[in-house]
């Protein structure tokens, strides 16, 4: 039995090593791009969560009169901020807009 190197086997059977390498490089690039995209999304989510927590802390430090002046109740602070995060890019209304207050029957 005669032993052939990988190179001679590819030549005998008409296979190309260049095409395989290009394909594996393409797959590696796509995989890396998806991993980077996922990590970017995770980083943005964490940054948004931290921003919400800072805003909640800042608004919670205000007294009830100041909150009423900007159209918020203490119990609405976190809900309104998280609602705004869910609507990012779909609505350019202010975080503290009074649109949600008008749609709820328990508001004045």
PDB file of N, CA and C in Angstrom:
ATOM      1  N   UNK A   1       0.849  -1.169   0.000  1.00  0.00           N
ATOM      2  CA  UNK A   1       0.000   0.000   0.000  1.00  0.00           C
ATOM      3  C   UNK A   1       0.899   1.239   0.000  1.00  0.00           C
ATOM      4  N   UNK A   2       0.574   2.148  -0.835  1.00  0.00           N
ATOM      5  CA  UNK A   2       1.387   3.354  -0.997  1.00  0.00           C
ATOM      6  C   UNK A   2       0.806   4.478  -0.146  1.00  0.00           C
ATOM      7  N   UNK A   3       1.664   5.162   0.579  1.00  0.00           N
ATOM      8  CA  UNK A   3       1.234   6.266   1.426  1.00  0.00           C
ATOM      9  C   UNK A   3       1.309   7.575   0.651  1.00  0.00           C
ATOM     10  N   UNK A   4       0.287   8.355   0.764  1.00  0.00           N
ATOM     11  CA  UNK A   4       0.255   9.643   0.102  1.00  0.00           C
ATOM     12  C   UNK A   4       0.148  10.733   1.158  1.00  0.00           C
ATOM     13  N   UNK A   5       0.744  11.831   0.851  1.00  0.00           N
ATOM     14  CA  UNK A   5       0.574  12.986   1.735  1.00  0.00           C
ATOM     15  C   UNK A   5      -0.793  13.599   1.471  1.00  0.00           C
ATOM     16  N   UNK A   6      -1.215  14.454   2.346  1.00  0.00           N
ATOM     17  CA  UNK A   6      -2.499  15.120   2.172  1.00  0.00           C
ATOM     18  C   UNK A   6      -2.518  15.919   0.872  1.00  0.00           C
ATOM     19  N   UNK A   7      -1.410  16.574   0.582  1.00  0.00           N
ATOM     20  CA  UNK A   7      -1.320  17.390  -0.628  1.00  0.00           C
ATOM     21  C   UNK A   7      -1.511  16.523  -1.879  1.00  0.00           C
ATOM     22  N   UNK A   8      -0.862  15.367  -1.938  1.00  0.00           N
ATOM     23  CA  UNK A   8      -0.999  14.527  -3.135  1.00  0.00           C
ATOM     24  C   UNK A   8      -2.399  13.938  -3.233  1.00  0.00           C
ATOM     25  N   UNK A   9      -3.030  13.615  -2.114  1.00  0.00           N
ATOM     26  CA  UNK A   9      -4.409  13.126  -2.156  1.00  0.00           C
ATOM     27  C   UNK A   9      -5.338  14.189  -2.728  1.00  0.00           C
ATOM     28  N   UNK A  10      -5.149  15.431  -2.299  1.00  0.00           N
ATOM     29  CA  UNK A  10      -5.966  16.503  -2.836  1.00  0.00           C
ATOM     30  C   UNK A  10      -5.737  16.660  -4.328  1.00  0.00           C
ATOM     31  N   UNK A  11      -4.501  16.538  -4.780  1.00  0.00           N
ATOM     32  CA  UNK A  11      -4.196  16.673  -6.205  1.00  0.00           C
ATOM     33  C   UNK A  11      -4.780  15.516  -7.001  1.00  0.00           C
ATOM     34  N   UNK A  12      -4.687  14.279  -6.476  1.00  0.00           N
ATOM     35  CA  UNK A  12      -5.196  13.092  -7.160  1.00  0.00           C
ATOM     36  C   UNK A  12      -6.708  13.175  -7.314  1.00  0.00           C
ATOM     37  N   UNK A  13      -7.389  13.616  -6.280  1.00  0.00           N
ATOM     38  CA  UNK A  13      -8.853  13.649  -6.305  1.00  0.00           C
ATOM     39  C   UNK A  13      -9.428  14.993  -6.743  1.00  0.00           C
ATOM     40  N   UNK A  14      -8.568  15.902  -7.080  1.00  0.00           N
ATOM     41  CA  UNK A  14      -9.018  17.185  -7.600  1.00  0.00           C
ATOM     42  C   UNK A  14      -9.612  18.112  -6.553  1.00  0.00           C
ATOM     43  N   UNK A  15      -9.208  17.971  -5.322  1.00  0.00           N
ATOM     44  CA  UNK A  15      -9.702  18.839  -4.255  1.00  0.00           C
ATOM     45  C   UNK A  15      -8.783  20.034  -4.105  1.00  0.00           C
ATOM     46  N   UNK A  16      -9.336  21.123  -3.666  1.00  0.00           N
ATOM     47  CA  UNK A  16      -8.555  22.345  -3.490  1.00  0.00           C
ATOM     48  C   UNK A  16      -8.487  22.702  -2.013  1.00  0.00           C
ATOM     49  N   UNK A  17      -7.281  22.925  -1.523  1.00  0.00           N
ATOM     50  CA  UNK A  17      -7.137  23.323  -0.117  1.00  0.00           C
ATOM     51  C   UNK A  17      -7.465  24.794   0.068  1.00  0.00           C
ATOM     52  N   UNK A  18      -7.269  25.585  -0.956  1.00  0.00           N
ATOM     53  CA  UNK A  18      -7.536  27.024  -0.866  1.00  0.00           C
ATOM     54  C   UNK A  18      -8.998  27.319  -0.596  1.00  0.00           C
ATOM     55  N   UNK A  19      -9.879  26.565  -1.238  1.00  0.00           N
ATOM     56  CA  UNK A  19     -11.306  26.787  -1.060  1.00  0.00           C
ATOM     57  C   UNK A  19     -11.742  26.454   0.362  1.00  0.00           C
ATOM     58  N   UNK A  20     -11.170  25.391   0.907  1.00  0.00           N
ATOM     59  CA  UNK A  20     -11.484  25.020   2.285  1.00  0.00           C
ATOM     60  C   UNK A  20     -11.034  26.090   3.256  1.00  0.00           C
ATOM     61  N   UNK A  21      -9.843  26.602   3.041  1.00  0.00           N
ATOM     62  CA  UNK A  21      -9.310  27.631   3.934  1.00  0.00           C
ATOM     63  C   UNK A  21     -10.146  28.897   3.863  1.00  0.00           C
ATOM     64  N   UNK A  22     -10.531  29.270   2.654  1.00  0.00           N
ATOM     65  CA  UNK A  22     -11.362  30.477   2.509  1.00  0.00           C
ATOM     66  C   UNK A  22     -12.688  30.294   3.223  1.00  0.00           C
ATOM     67  N   UNK A  23     -13.267  29.120   3.091  1.00  0.00           N
ATOM     68  CA  UNK A  23     -14.553  28.866   3.725  1.00  0.00           C
ATOM     69  C   UNK A  23     -14.427  28.896   5.251  1.00  0.00           C
ATOM     70  N   UNK A  24     -13.382  28.285   5.791  1.00  0.00           N
ATOM     71  CA  UNK A  24     -13.212  28.283   7.246  1.00  0.00           C
ATOM     72  C   UNK A  24     -12.925  29.689   7.758  1.00  0.00           C
ATOM     73  N   UNK A  25     -12.218  30.490   6.986  1.00  0.00           N
ATOM     74  CA  UNK A  25     -11.984  31.885   7.382  1.00  0.00           C
ATOM     75  C   UNK A  25     -13.291  32.671   7.398  1.00  0.00           C
ATOM     76  N   UNK A  26     -14.123  32.413   6.388  1.00  0.00           N
ATOM     77  CA  UNK A  26     -15.416  33.098   6.319  1.00  0.00           C
ATOM     78  C   UNK A  26     -16.283  32.721   7.524  1.00  0.00           C
ATOM     79  N   UNK A  27     -16.315  31.443   7.834  1.00  0.00           N
ATOM     80  CA  UNK A  27     -17.104  30.980   8.980  1.00  0.00           C
ATOM     81  C   UNK A  27     -16.566  31.610  10.263  1.00  0.00           C
ATOM     82  N   UNK A  28     -15.242  31.659  10.395  1.00  0.00           N
ATOM     83  CA  UNK A  28     -14.634  32.259  11.591  1.00  0.00           C
ATOM     84  C   UNK A  28     -14.989  33.738  11.682  1.00  0.00           C
ATOM     85  N   UNK A  29     -14.943  34.453  10.569  1.00  0.00           N
ATOM     86  CA  UNK A  29     -15.300  35.879  10.582  1.00  0.00           C
ATOM     87  C   UNK A  29     -16.752  36.083  10.978  1.00  0.00           C
ATOM     88  N   UNK A  30     -17.643  35.264  10.428  1.00  0.00           N
ATOM     89  CA  UNK A  30     -19.062  35.384  10.769  1.00  0.00           C
ATOM     90  C   UNK A  30     -19.298  35.082  12.247  1.00  0.00           C
ATOM     91  N   UNK A  31     -18.613  34.068  12.743  1.00  0.00           N
ATOM     92  CA  UNK A  31     -18.752  33.719  14.157  1.00  0.00           C
ATOM     93  C   UNK A  31     -18.255  34.846  15.046  1.00  0.00           C
ATOM     94  N   UNK A  32     -17.119  35.399  14.717  1.00  0.00           N
ATOM     95  CA  UNK A  32     -16.571  36.516  15.497  1.00  0.00           C
ATOM     96  C   UNK A  32     -17.506  37.718  15.432  1.00  0.00           C
ATOM     97  N   UNK A  33     -18.060  37.997  14.252  1.00  0.00           N
ATOM     98  CA  UNK A  33     -18.980  39.129  14.112  1.00  0.00           C
ATOM     99  C   UNK A  33     -20.219  38.935  14.982  1.00  0.00           C
ATOM    100  N   UNK A  34     -20.732  37.711  15.030  1.00  0.00           N
ATOM    101  CA  UNK A  34     -21.915  37.460  15.868  1.00  0.00           C
ATOM    102  C   UNK A  34     -21.593  37.576  17.347  1.00  0.00           C
ATOM    103  N   UNK A  35     -20.423  37.098  17.736  1.00  0.00           N
ATOM    104  CA  UNK A  35     -20.015  37.194  19.144  1.00  0.00           C
ATOM    105  C   UNK A  35     -19.857  38.658  19.539  1.00  0.00           C
ATOM    106  N   UNK A  36     -19.215  39.441  18.682  1.00  0.00           N
ATOM    107  CA  UNK A  36     -19.036  40.869  18.964  1.00  0.00           C
ATOM    108  C   UNK A  36     -20.395  41.566  19.031  1.00  0.00           C
ATOM    109  N   UNK A  37     -21.300  41.225  18.118  1.00  0.00           N
ATOM    110  CA  UNK A  37     -22.638  41.805  18.144  1.00  0.00           C
ATOM    111  C   UNK A  37     -23.383  41.472  19.428  1.00  0.00           C
ATOM    112  N   UNK A  38     -23.276  40.229  19.866  1.00  0.00           N
ATOM    113  CA  UNK A  38     -23.929  39.815  21.104  1.00  0.00           C
ATOM    114  C   UNK A  38     -23.352  40.556  22.304  1.00  0.00           C
ATOM    115  N   UNK A  39     -22.022  40.634  22.371  1.00  0.00           N
ATOM    116  CA  UNK A  39     -21.387  41.332  23.492  1.00  0.00           C
ATOM    117  C   UNK A  39     -21.729  42.817  23.496  1.00  0.00           C
ATOM    118  N   UNK A  40     -21.833  43.410  22.316  1.00  0.00           N
ATOM    119  CA  UNK A  40     -22.230  44.816  22.221  1.00  0.00           C
ATOM    120  C   UNK A  40     -23.647  45.013  22.761  1.00  0.00           C
ATOM    121  N   UNK A  41     -24.535  44.093  22.398  1.00  0.00           N
ATOM    122  CA  UNK A  41     -25.917  44.175  22.869  1.00  0.00           C
ATOM    123  C   UNK A  41     -25.988  44.022  24.387  1.00  0.00           C
ATOM    124  N   UNK A  42     -25.211  43.101  24.929  1.00  0.00           N
ATOM    125  CA  UNK A  42     -25.176  42.902  26.381  1.00  0.00           C
ATOM    126  C   UNK A  42     -24.651  44.155  27.070  1.00  0.00           C
ATOM    127  N   UNK A  43     -23.598  44.747  26.506  1.00  0.00           N
ATOM    128  CA  UNK A  43     -23.017  45.954  27.097  1.00  0.00           C
ATOM    129  C   UNK A  43     -24.027  47.108  27.088  1.00  0.00           C
ATOM    130  N   UNK A  44     -24.744  47.278  25.993  1.00  0.00           N
ATOM    131  CA  UNK A  44     -25.757  48.344  25.924  1.00  0.00           C
ATOM    132  C   UNK A  44     -26.879  48.114  26.918  1.00  0.00           C
ATOM    133  N   UNK A  45     -27.276  46.865  27.082  1.00  0.00           N
ATOM    134  CA  UNK A  45     -28.332  46.536  28.041  1.00  0.00           C
ATOM    135  C   UNK A  45     -27.893  46.859  29.462  1.00  0.00           C
ATOM    136  N   UNK A  46     -26.660  46.511  29.791  1.00  0.00           N
ATOM    137  CA  UNK A  46     -26.135  46.811  31.127  1.00  0.00           C
ATOM    138  C   UNK A  46     -26.043  48.317  31.340  1.00  0.00           C
ATOM    139  N   UNK A  47     -25.558  49.052  30.340  1.00  0.00           N
ATOM    140  CA  UNK A  47     -25.463  50.506  30.455  1.00  0.00           C
ATOM    141  C   UNK A  47     -26.847  51.134  30.643  1.00  0.00           C
ATOM    142  N   UNK A  48     -27.840  50.633  29.912  1.00  0.00           N
ATOM    143  CA  UNK A  48     -29.199  51.163  30.046  1.00  0.00           C
ATOM    144  C   UNK A  48     -29.756  50.881  31.440  1.00  0.00           C
ATOM    145  N   UNK A  49     -29.509  49.686  31.947  1.00  0.00           N
ATOM    146  CA  UNK A  49     -29.978  49.341  33.289  1.00  0.00           C
ATOM    147  C   UNK A  49     -29.335  50.237  34.340  1.00  0.00           C
ATOM    148  N   UNK A  50     -28.045  50.466  34.212  1.00  0.00           N
ATOM    149  CA  UNK A  50     -27.358  51.342  35.169  1.00  0.00           C
ATOM    150  C   UNK A  50     -27.884  52.774  35.086  1.00  0.00           C
ATOM    151  N   UNK A  51     -28.176  53.243  33.875  1.00  0.00           N
ATOM    152  CA  UNK A  51     -28.728  54.588  33.720  1.00  0.00           C
ATOM    153  C   UNK A  51     -30.102  54.690  34.382  1.00  0.00           C
ATOM    154  N   UNK A  52     -30.913  53.659  34.228  1.00  0.00           N
ATOM    155  CA  UNK A  52     -32.237  53.653  34.859  1.00  0.00           C
ATOM    156  C   UNK A  52     -32.098  53.671  36.375  1.00  0.00           C
ATOM    157  N   UNK A  53     -31.182  52.882  36.887  1.00  0.00           N
ATOM    158  CA  UNK A  53     -30.999  52.841  38.341  1.00  0.00           C
ATOM    159  C   UNK A  53     -30.530  54.189  38.884  1.00  0.00           C
ATOM    160  N   UNK A  54     -29.646  54.869  38.138  1.00  0.00           N
ATOM    161  CA  UNK A  54     -29.202  56.203  38.576  1.00  0.00           C
ATOM    162  C   UNK A  54     -30.364  57.187  38.561  1.00  0.00           C
ATOM    163  N   UNK A  55     -31.183  57.117  37.515  1.00  0.00           N
ATOM    164  CA  UNK A  55     -32.322  58.026  37.418  1.00  0.00           C
ATOM    165  C   UNK A  55     -33.345  57.747  38.520  1.00  0.00           C
ATOM    166  N   UNK A  56     -33.579  56.467  38.815  1.00  0.00           N
ATOM    167  CA  UNK A  56     -34.514  56.113  39.889  1.00  0.00           C
ATOM    168  C   UNK A  56     -34.008  56.665  41.215  1.00  0.00           C
ATOM    169  N   UNK A  57     -32.721  56.514  41.458  1.00  0.00           N
ATOM    170  CA  UNK A  57     -32.137  57.028  42.702  1.00  0.00           C
ATOM    171  C   UNK A  57     -32.282  58.543  42.791  1.00  0.00           C
ATOM    172  N   UNK A  58     -31.993  59.213  41.685  1.00  0.00           N
ATOM    173  CA  UNK A  58     -32.078  60.680  41.670  1.00  0.00           C
ATOM    174  C   UNK A  58     -33.513  61.155  41.893  1.00  0.00           C
ATOM    175  N   UNK A  59     -34.466  60.524  41.218  1.00  0.00           N
ATOM    176  CA  UNK A  59     -35.866  60.934  41.385  1.00  0.00           C
ATOM    177  C   UNK A  59     -36.396  60.553  42.771  1.00  0.00           C
ATOM    178  N   UNK A  60     -35.944  59.443  43.324  1.00  0.00           N
ATOM    179  CA  UNK A  60     -36.416  59.021  44.642  1.00  0.00           C
ATOM    180  C   UNK A  60     -35.936  59.976  45.730  1.00  0.00           C
ATOM    181  N   UNK A  61     -34.854  60.692  45.476  1.00  0.00           N
ATOM    182  CA  UNK A  61     -34.350  61.660  46.456  1.00  0.00           C
ATOM    183  C   UNK A  61     -35.170  62.948  46.478  1.00  0.00           C
ATOM    184  N   UNK A  62     -35.980  63.176  45.459  1.00  0.00           N
ATOM    185  CA  UNK A  62     -36.820  64.379  45.410  1.00  0.00           C
ATOM    186  C   UNK A  62     -38.004  64.220  46.357  1.00  0.00           C
ATOM    187  N   UNK A  63     -38.508  65.346  46.840  1.00  0.00           N
ATOM    188  CA  UNK A  63     -39.691  65.265  47.690  1.00  0.00           C
ATOM    189  C   UNK A  63     -40.943  65.182  46.819  1.00  0.00           C
ATOM    190  N   UNK A  64     -42.079  64.902  47.447  1.00  0.00           N
ATOM    191  CA  UNK A  64     -43.320  64.676  46.704  1.00  0.00           C
ATOM    192  C   UNK A  64     -43.764  65.900  45.911  1.00  0.00           C
ATOM    193  N   UNK A  65     -43.513  67.101  46.422  1.00  0.00           N
ATOM    194  CA  UNK A  65     -43.907  68.321  45.708  1.00  0.00           C
ATOM    195  C   UNK A  65     -43.109  68.469  44.414  1.00  0.00           C
ATOM    196  N   UNK A  66     -41.824  68.195  44.474  1.00  0.00           N
ATOM    197  CA  UNK A  66     -40.999  68.291  43.264  1.00  0.00           C
ATOM    198  C   UNK A  66     -41.433  67.241  42.240  1.00  0.00           C
ATOM    199  N   UNK A  67     -41.732  66.049  42.699  1.00  0.00           N
ATOM    200  CA  UNK A  67     -42.193  65.001  41.782  1.00  0.00           C
ATOM    201  C   UNK A  67     -43.525  65.386  41.144  1.00  0.00           C
ATOM    202  N   UNK A  68     -44.417  65.974  41.945  1.00  0.00           N
ATOM    203  CA  UNK A  68     -45.707  66.394  41.411  1.00  0.00           C
ATOM    204  C   UNK A  68     -45.522  67.480  40.355  1.00  0.00           C
ATOM    205  N   UNK A  69     -44.550  68.362  40.566  1.00  0.00           N
ATOM    206  CA  UNK A  69     -44.283  69.416  39.587  1.00  0.00           C
ATOM    207  C   UNK A  69     -43.867  68.859  38.229  1.00  0.00           C
ATOM    208  N   UNK A  70     -43.189  67.732  38.230  1.00  0.00           N
ATOM    209  CA  UNK A  70     -42.793  67.145  36.940  1.00  0.00           C
ATOM    210  C   UNK A  70     -43.773  66.070  36.482  1.00  0.00           C
ATOM    211  N   UNK A  71     -44.878  65.934  37.197  1.00  0.00           N
ATOM    212  CA  UNK A  71     -45.947  65.046  36.754  1.00  0.00           C
ATOM    213  C   UNK A  71     -45.764  63.586  37.132  1.00  0.00           C
ATOM    214  N   UNK A  72     -45.092  63.326  38.224  1.00  0.00           N
ATOM    215  CA  UNK A  72     -44.859  61.949  38.672  1.00  0.00           C
ATOM    216  C   UNK A  72     -45.340  61.746  40.092  1.00  0.00           C
ATOM    217  N   UNK A  73     -45.707  60.530  40.373  1.00  0.00           N
ATOM    218  CA  UNK A  73     -45.937  60.117  41.747  1.00  0.00           C
ATOM    219  C   UNK A  73     -44.794  59.194  42.129  1.00  0.00           C
ATOM    220  N   UNK A  74     -44.519  59.105  43.391  1.00  0.00           N
ATOM    221  CA  UNK A  74     -43.395  58.290  43.851  1.00  0.00           C
ATOM    222  C   UNK A  74     -43.530  56.834  43.392  1.00  0.00           C
ATOM    223  N   UNK A  75     -44.739  56.327  43.365  1.00  0.00           N
ATOM    224  CA  UNK A  75     -44.951  54.932  42.966  1.00  0.00           C
ATOM    225  C   UNK A  75     -44.760  54.705  41.475  1.00  0.00           C
ATOM    226  N   UNK A  76     -44.743  55.764  40.673  1.00  0.00           N
ATOM    227  CA  UNK A  76     -44.623  55.638  39.215  1.00  0.00           C
ATOM    228  C   UNK A  76     -43.191  55.744  38.706  1.00  0.00           C
ATOM    229  N   UNK A  77     -42.266  56.121  39.543  1.00  0.00           N
ATOM    230  CA  UNK A  77     -40.914  56.460  39.084  1.00  0.00           C
ATOM    231  C   UNK A  77     -40.303  55.334  38.256  1.00  0.00           C
ATOM    232  N   UNK A  78     -40.162  54.178  38.842  1.00  0.00           N
ATOM    233  CA  UNK A  78     -39.476  53.087  38.140  1.00  0.00           C
ATOM    234  C   UNK A  78     -40.264  52.608  36.924  1.00  0.00           C
ATOM    235  N   UNK A  79     -41.580  52.529  37.049  1.00  0.00           N
ATOM    236  CA  UNK A  79     -42.395  52.083  35.916  1.00  0.00           C
ATOM    237  C   UNK A  79     -42.234  53.008  34.714  1.00  0.00           C
ATOM    238  N   UNK A  80     -42.259  54.307  34.945  1.00  0.00           N
ATOM    239  CA  UNK A  80     -42.142  55.262  33.844  1.00  0.00           C
ATOM    240  C   UNK A  80     -40.771  55.182  33.169  1.00  0.00           C
ATOM    241  N   UNK A  81     -39.723  55.041  33.968  1.00  0.00           N
ATOM    242  CA  UNK A  81     -38.378  54.945  33.398  1.00  0.00           C
ATOM    243  C   UNK A  81     -38.203  53.654  32.607  1.00  0.00           C
ATOM    244  N   UNK A  82     -38.702  52.571  33.126  1.00  0.00           N
ATOM    245  CA  UNK A  82     -38.587  51.292  32.401  1.00  0.00           C
ATOM    246  C   UNK A  82     -39.477  51.283  31.169  1.00  0.00           C
ATOM    247  N   UNK A  83     -40.612  51.920  31.233  1.00  0.00           N
ATOM    248  CA  UNK A  83     -41.495  52.028  30.069  1.00  0.00           C
ATOM    249  C   UNK A  83     -40.781  52.798  28.960  1.00  0.00           C
ATOM    250  N   UNK A  84     -40.090  53.848  29.330  1.00  0.00           N
ATOM    251  CA  UNK A  84     -39.358  54.641  28.347  1.00  0.00           C
ATOM    252  C   UNK A  84     -38.274  53.803  27.696  1.00  0.00           C
ATOM    253  N   UNK A  85     -37.595  52.959  28.468  1.00  0.00           N
ATOM    254  CA  UNK A  85     -36.541  52.107  27.905  1.00  0.00           C
ATOM    255  C   UNK A  85     -37.141  51.132  26.897  1.00  0.00           C
ATOM    256  N   UNK A  86     -38.321  50.614  27.176  1.00  0.00           N
ATOM    257  CA  UNK A  86     -38.964  49.680  26.262  1.00  0.00           C
ATOM    258  C   UNK A  86     -39.369  50.368  24.969  1.00  0.00           C
ATOM    259  N   UNK A  87     -39.644  51.671  25.032  1.00  0.00           N
ATOM    260  CA  UNK A  87     -40.091  52.408  23.864  1.00  0.00           C
ATOM    261  C   UNK A  87     -38.973  53.165  23.163  1.00  0.00           C
ATOM    262  N   UNK A  88     -37.720  52.912  23.517  1.00  0.00           N
ATOM    263  CA  UNK A  88     -36.607  53.645  22.914  1.00  0.00           C
ATOM    264  C   UNK A  88     -36.626  53.443  21.407  1.00  0.00           C
ATOM    265  N   UNK A  89     -36.542  54.532  20.703  1.00  0.00           N
ATOM    266  CA  UNK A  89     -36.531  54.472  19.256  1.00  0.00           C
ATOM    267  C   UNK A  89     -37.907  54.461  18.633  1.00  0.00           C
ATOM    268  N   UNK A  90     -38.956  54.252  19.423  1.00  0.00           N
ATOM    269  CA  UNK A  90     -40.299  54.222  18.863  1.00  0.00           C
ATOM    270  C   UNK A  90     -41.062  55.500  19.147  1.00  0.00           C
ATOM    271  N   UNK A  91     -40.613  56.238  20.140  1.00  0.00           N
ATOM    272  CA  UNK A  91     -41.337  57.432  20.539  1.00  0.00           C
ATOM    273  C   UNK A  91     -40.336  58.417  21.108  1.00  0.00           C
ATOM    274  N   UNK A  92     -40.377  59.643  20.636  1.00  0.00           N
ATOM    275  CA  UNK A  92     -39.431  60.616  21.158  1.00  0.00           C
ATOM    276  C   UNK A  92     -40.041  61.500  22.233  1.00  0.00           C
ATOM    277  N   UNK A  93     -41.093  61.017  22.870  1.00  0.00           N
ATOM    278  CA  UNK A  93     -41.714  61.763  23.965  1.00  0.00           C
ATOM    279  C   UNK A  93     -40.796  61.755  25.175  1.00  0.00           C
ATOM    280  N   UNK A  94     -40.969  62.733  25.992  1.00  0.00           N
ATOM    281  CA  UNK A  94     -40.148  62.849  27.200  1.00  0.00           C
ATOM    282  C   UNK A  94     -40.433  61.701  28.153  1.00  0.00           C
ATOM    283  N   UNK A  95     -39.434  61.341  28.928  1.00  0.00           N
ATOM    284  CA  UNK A  95     -39.597  60.295  29.933  1.00  0.00           C
ATOM    285  C   UNK A  95     -40.674  60.691  30.923  1.00  0.00           C
ATOM    286  N   UNK A  96     -40.729  61.953  31.221  1.00  0.00           N
ATOM    287  CA  UNK A  96     -41.652  62.420  32.240  1.00  0.00           C
ATOM    288  C   UNK A  96     -42.919  63.016  31.641  1.00  0.00           C
ATOM    289  N   UNK A  97     -43.217  62.645  30.409  1.00  0.00           N
ATOM    290  CA  UNK A  97     -44.432  63.181  29.800  1.00  0.00           C
ATOM    291  C   UNK A  97     -45.642  62.644  30.541  1.00  0.00           C
ATOM    292  N   UNK A  98     -46.737  63.324  30.420  1.00  0.00           N
ATOM    293  CA  UNK A  98     -47.932  62.983  31.171  1.00  0.00           C
ATOM    294  C   UNK A  98     -48.886  62.102  30.369  1.00  0.00           C
ATOM    295  N   UNK A  99     -48.409  61.455  29.297  1.00  0.00           N
ATOM    296  CA  UNK A  99     -49.292  60.658  28.450  1.00  0.00           C
ATOM    297  C   UNK A  99     -49.839  59.442  29.175  1.00  0.00           C
ATOM    298  N   UNK A 100     -49.034  58.773  29.971  1.00  0.00           N
ATOM    299  CA  UNK A 100     -49.511  57.587  30.690  1.00  0.00           C
ATOM    300  C   UNK A 100     -50.501  57.973  31.779  1.00  0.00           C
ATOM    301  N   UNK A 101     -50.345  59.126  32.376  1.00  0.00           N
ATOM    302  CA  UNK A 101     -51.242  59.549  33.449  1.00  0.00           C
ATOM    303  C   UNK A 101     -52.649  59.778  32.932  1.00  0.00           C
ATOM    304  N   UNK A 102     -52.804  60.241  31.691  1.00  0.00           N
ATOM    305  CA  UNK A 102     -54.128  60.502  31.159  1.00  0.00           C
ATOM    306  C   UNK A 102     -54.862  59.216  30.805  1.00  0.00           C
ATOM    307  N   UNK A 103     -54.138  58.151  30.536  1.00  0.00           N
ATOM    308  CA  UNK A 103     -54.781  56.919  30.131  1.00  0.00           C
ATOM    309  C   UNK A 103     -55.190  56.066  31.324  1.00  0.00           C
ATOM    310  N   UNK A 104     -54.747  56.407  32.515  1.00  0.00           N
ATOM    311  CA  UNK A 104     -55.079  55.620  33.694  1.00  0.00           C
ATOM    312  C   UNK A 104     -56.213  56.287  34.463  1.00  0.00           C
ATOM    313  N   UNK A 105     -57.244  55.525  34.817  1.00  0.00           N
ATOM    314  CA  UNK A 105     -58.404  56.116  35.496  1.00  0.00           C
ATOM    315  C   UNK A 105     -58.119  56.571  36.918  1.00  0.00           C
ATOM    316  N   UNK A 106     -57.091  56.031  37.588  1.00  0.00           N
ATOM    317  CA  UNK A 106     -56.858  56.397  38.979  1.00  0.00           C
ATOM    318  C   UNK A 106     -56.090  57.706  39.135  1.00  0.00           C
ATOM    319  N   UNK A 107     -55.660  58.310  38.025  1.00  0.00           N
ATOM    320  CA  UNK A 107     -54.911  59.568  38.085  1.00  0.00           C
ATOM    321  C   UNK A 107     -55.865  60.741  38.091  1.00  0.00           C
ATOM    322  N   UNK A 108     -55.396  61.815  38.648  1.00  0.00           N
ATOM    323  CA  UNK A 108     -56.240  63.015  38.738  1.00  0.00           C
ATOM    324  C   UNK A 108     -56.291  63.750  37.436  1.00  0.00           C
TER     325      UNK A 108
END
